[in-house]
């Protein structure tokens, strides 16, 4: 279940996924939390036969995402194939449009995540 690193709110027909772990660097835990939110959205869409129009992702503070936690990524076997790239594919193929509300610094893997929207 997601912690306070990633939260979901709804405003009318919009879902808002907020990333709140400081620099929003991607780790396996952070990616798992994003995936849990995406699962929740897909379940809501299916259960309600929803007319939700879009998902907006946003960072908190001065960072949208500062990319990968490189030390974690390099020390975690299969990080790129089993976590990060799968997240990018999931975002690219999500059943409703996703908009990256880039509210601050966005670098490297964070920029690639935003481009996948």
Protein backbone atom coordinates (compact mmCIF):
# COMPACT_ATOMS: atom_id res chain seq x y z
CA UNK A 1 0.00 0.00 0.00
CA UNK A 2 1.32 3.47 -0.85
CA UNK A 3 2.94 5.59 1.87
CA UNK A 4 3.13 9.34 1.89
CA UNK A 5 5.79 9.37 -0.86
CA UNK A 6 3.04 9.20 -3.48
CA UNK A 7 -0.58 10.24 -3.01
CA UNK A 8 -3.73 10.23 -5.11
CA UNK A 9 -6.47 12.85 -5.06
CA UNK A 10 -9.44 13.45 -7.32
CA UNK A 11 -10.75 16.79 -8.52
CA UNK A 12 -13.85 16.30 -10.61
CA UNK A 13 -12.95 14.07 -13.54
CA UNK A 14 -9.20 14.36 -12.89
CA UNK A 15 -6.91 12.12 -10.90
CA UNK A 16 -3.84 13.81 -9.42
CA UNK A 17 -0.79 11.73 -8.50
CA UNK A 18 1.54 13.76 -6.28
CA UNK A 19 5.14 12.69 -5.76
CA UNK A 20 6.35 13.80 -2.33
CA UNK A 21 9.70 12.29 -1.42
CA UNK A 22 11.85 15.40 -1.67
CA UNK A 23 13.75 15.16 -4.94
CA UNK A 24 11.42 12.40 -6.18
CA UNK A 25 14.27 10.11 -7.16
CA UNK A 26 13.20 6.74 -8.52
CA UNK A 27 13.91 3.70 -6.34
CA UNK A 28 12.18 0.31 -6.36
CA UNK A 29 10.00 1.42 -3.43
CA UNK A 30 9.05 4.71 -5.10
CA UNK A 31 8.20 2.91 -8.36
CA UNK A 32 6.15 0.30 -6.47
CA UNK A 33 4.18 3.10 -4.82
CA UNK A 34 3.51 4.78 -8.17
CA UNK A 35 2.39 1.42 -9.59
CA UNK A 36 0.04 0.91 -6.61
CA UNK A 37 -1.58 4.29 -7.36
CA UNK A 38 -1.88 3.38 -11.06
CA UNK A 39 -3.53 0.08 -10.02
CA UNK A 40 -5.97 2.01 -7.83
CA UNK A 41 -6.87 4.34 -10.71
CA UNK A 42 -7.42 1.42 -13.09
CA UNK A 43 -9.69 -0.27 -10.52
CA UNK A 44 -11.73 2.92 -10.07
CA UNK A 45 -12.11 3.26 -13.84
CA UNK A 46 -13.29 -0.36 -14.16
CA UNK A 47 -15.63 -0.33 -11.14
CA UNK A 48 -17.30 2.96 -11.92
CA UNK A 49 -17.27 2.59 -15.71
CA UNK A 50 -15.67 5.92 -15.13
CA UNK A 51 -15.73 9.03 -17.22
CA UNK A 52 -12.50 10.24 -15.66
CA UNK A 53 -10.73 12.22 -18.31
CA UNK A 54 -7.08 12.24 -17.28
CA UNK A 55 -4.34 11.69 -14.74
CA UNK A 56 -2.00 14.52 -13.81
CA UNK A 57 1.37 13.79 -12.20
CA UNK A 58 3.08 16.51 -10.20
CA UNK A 59 6.01 16.84 -7.84
CA UNK A 60 5.97 18.67 -4.55
CA UNK A 61 8.28 21.57 -3.81
CA UNK A 62 10.93 22.58 -6.30
CA UNK A 63 11.34 19.13 -7.92
CA UNK A 64 9.13 17.27 -10.35
CA UNK A 65 11.77 14.52 -10.36
CA UNK A 66 15.52 14.60 -10.02
CA UNK A 67 15.79 11.29 -11.86
CA UNK A 68 17.01 7.95 -10.61
CA UNK A 69 18.57 7.26 -7.26
CA UNK A 70 21.63 6.11 -9.19
CA UNK A 71 23.34 4.36 -6.29
CA UNK A 72 20.17 2.36 -5.61
CA UNK A 73 19.57 1.65 -9.30
CA UNK A 74 23.09 0.35 -9.89
CA UNK A 75 23.07 -1.81 -6.76
CA UNK A 76 19.63 -3.35 -7.41
CA UNK A 77 19.74 -6.33 -9.76
CA UNK A 78 17.24 -5.86 -12.60
CA UNK A 79 16.30 -2.30 -11.61
CA UNK A 80 16.12 -0.97 -15.16
CA UNK A 81 14.36 -3.93 -16.80
CA UNK A 82 12.10 -4.99 -13.94
CA UNK A 83 11.15 -1.64 -12.46
CA UNK A 84 12.03 1.58 -14.26
CA UNK A 85 11.44 0.58 -17.90
CA UNK A 86 8.25 -1.30 -16.97
CA UNK A 87 6.96 1.89 -15.34
CA UNK A 88 7.70 3.90 -18.48
CA UNK A 89 5.87 1.34 -20.65
CA UNK A 90 2.92 1.34 -18.26
CA UNK A 91 2.66 5.13 -18.39
CA UNK A 92 2.90 5.09 -22.20
CA UNK A 93 0.04 2.56 -22.46
CA UNK A 94 -2.19 3.76 -19.60
CA UNK A 95 -5.93 3.63 -20.45
CA UNK A 96 -6.52 7.36 -19.86
CA UNK A 97 -4.33 10.31 -20.89
CA UNK A 98 -1.59 11.31 -18.46
CA UNK A 99 -0.21 14.84 -18.23
CA UNK A 100 3.07 15.67 -16.50
CA UNK A 101 2.60 18.97 -14.67
CA UNK A 102 6.30 19.76 -14.49
CA UNK A 103 6.40 22.12 -11.56
CA UNK A 104 10.13 22.23 -10.94
CA UNK A 105 13.51 20.69 -11.69
CA UNK A 106 13.28 17.60 -13.90
CA UNK A 107 16.46 15.75 -14.82
CA UNK A 108 17.60 12.54 -16.52
CA UNK A 109 15.29 9.64 -15.56
CA UNK A 110 12.72 12.11 -14.24
CA UNK A 111 12.63 13.83 -17.62
CA UNK A 112 12.26 10.44 -19.35
CA UNK A 113 9.35 9.65 -17.01
CA UNK A 114 7.71 12.98 -17.92
CA UNK A 115 8.25 12.34 -21.65
CA UNK A 116 6.50 8.96 -21.33
CA UNK A 117 3.30 10.82 -20.55
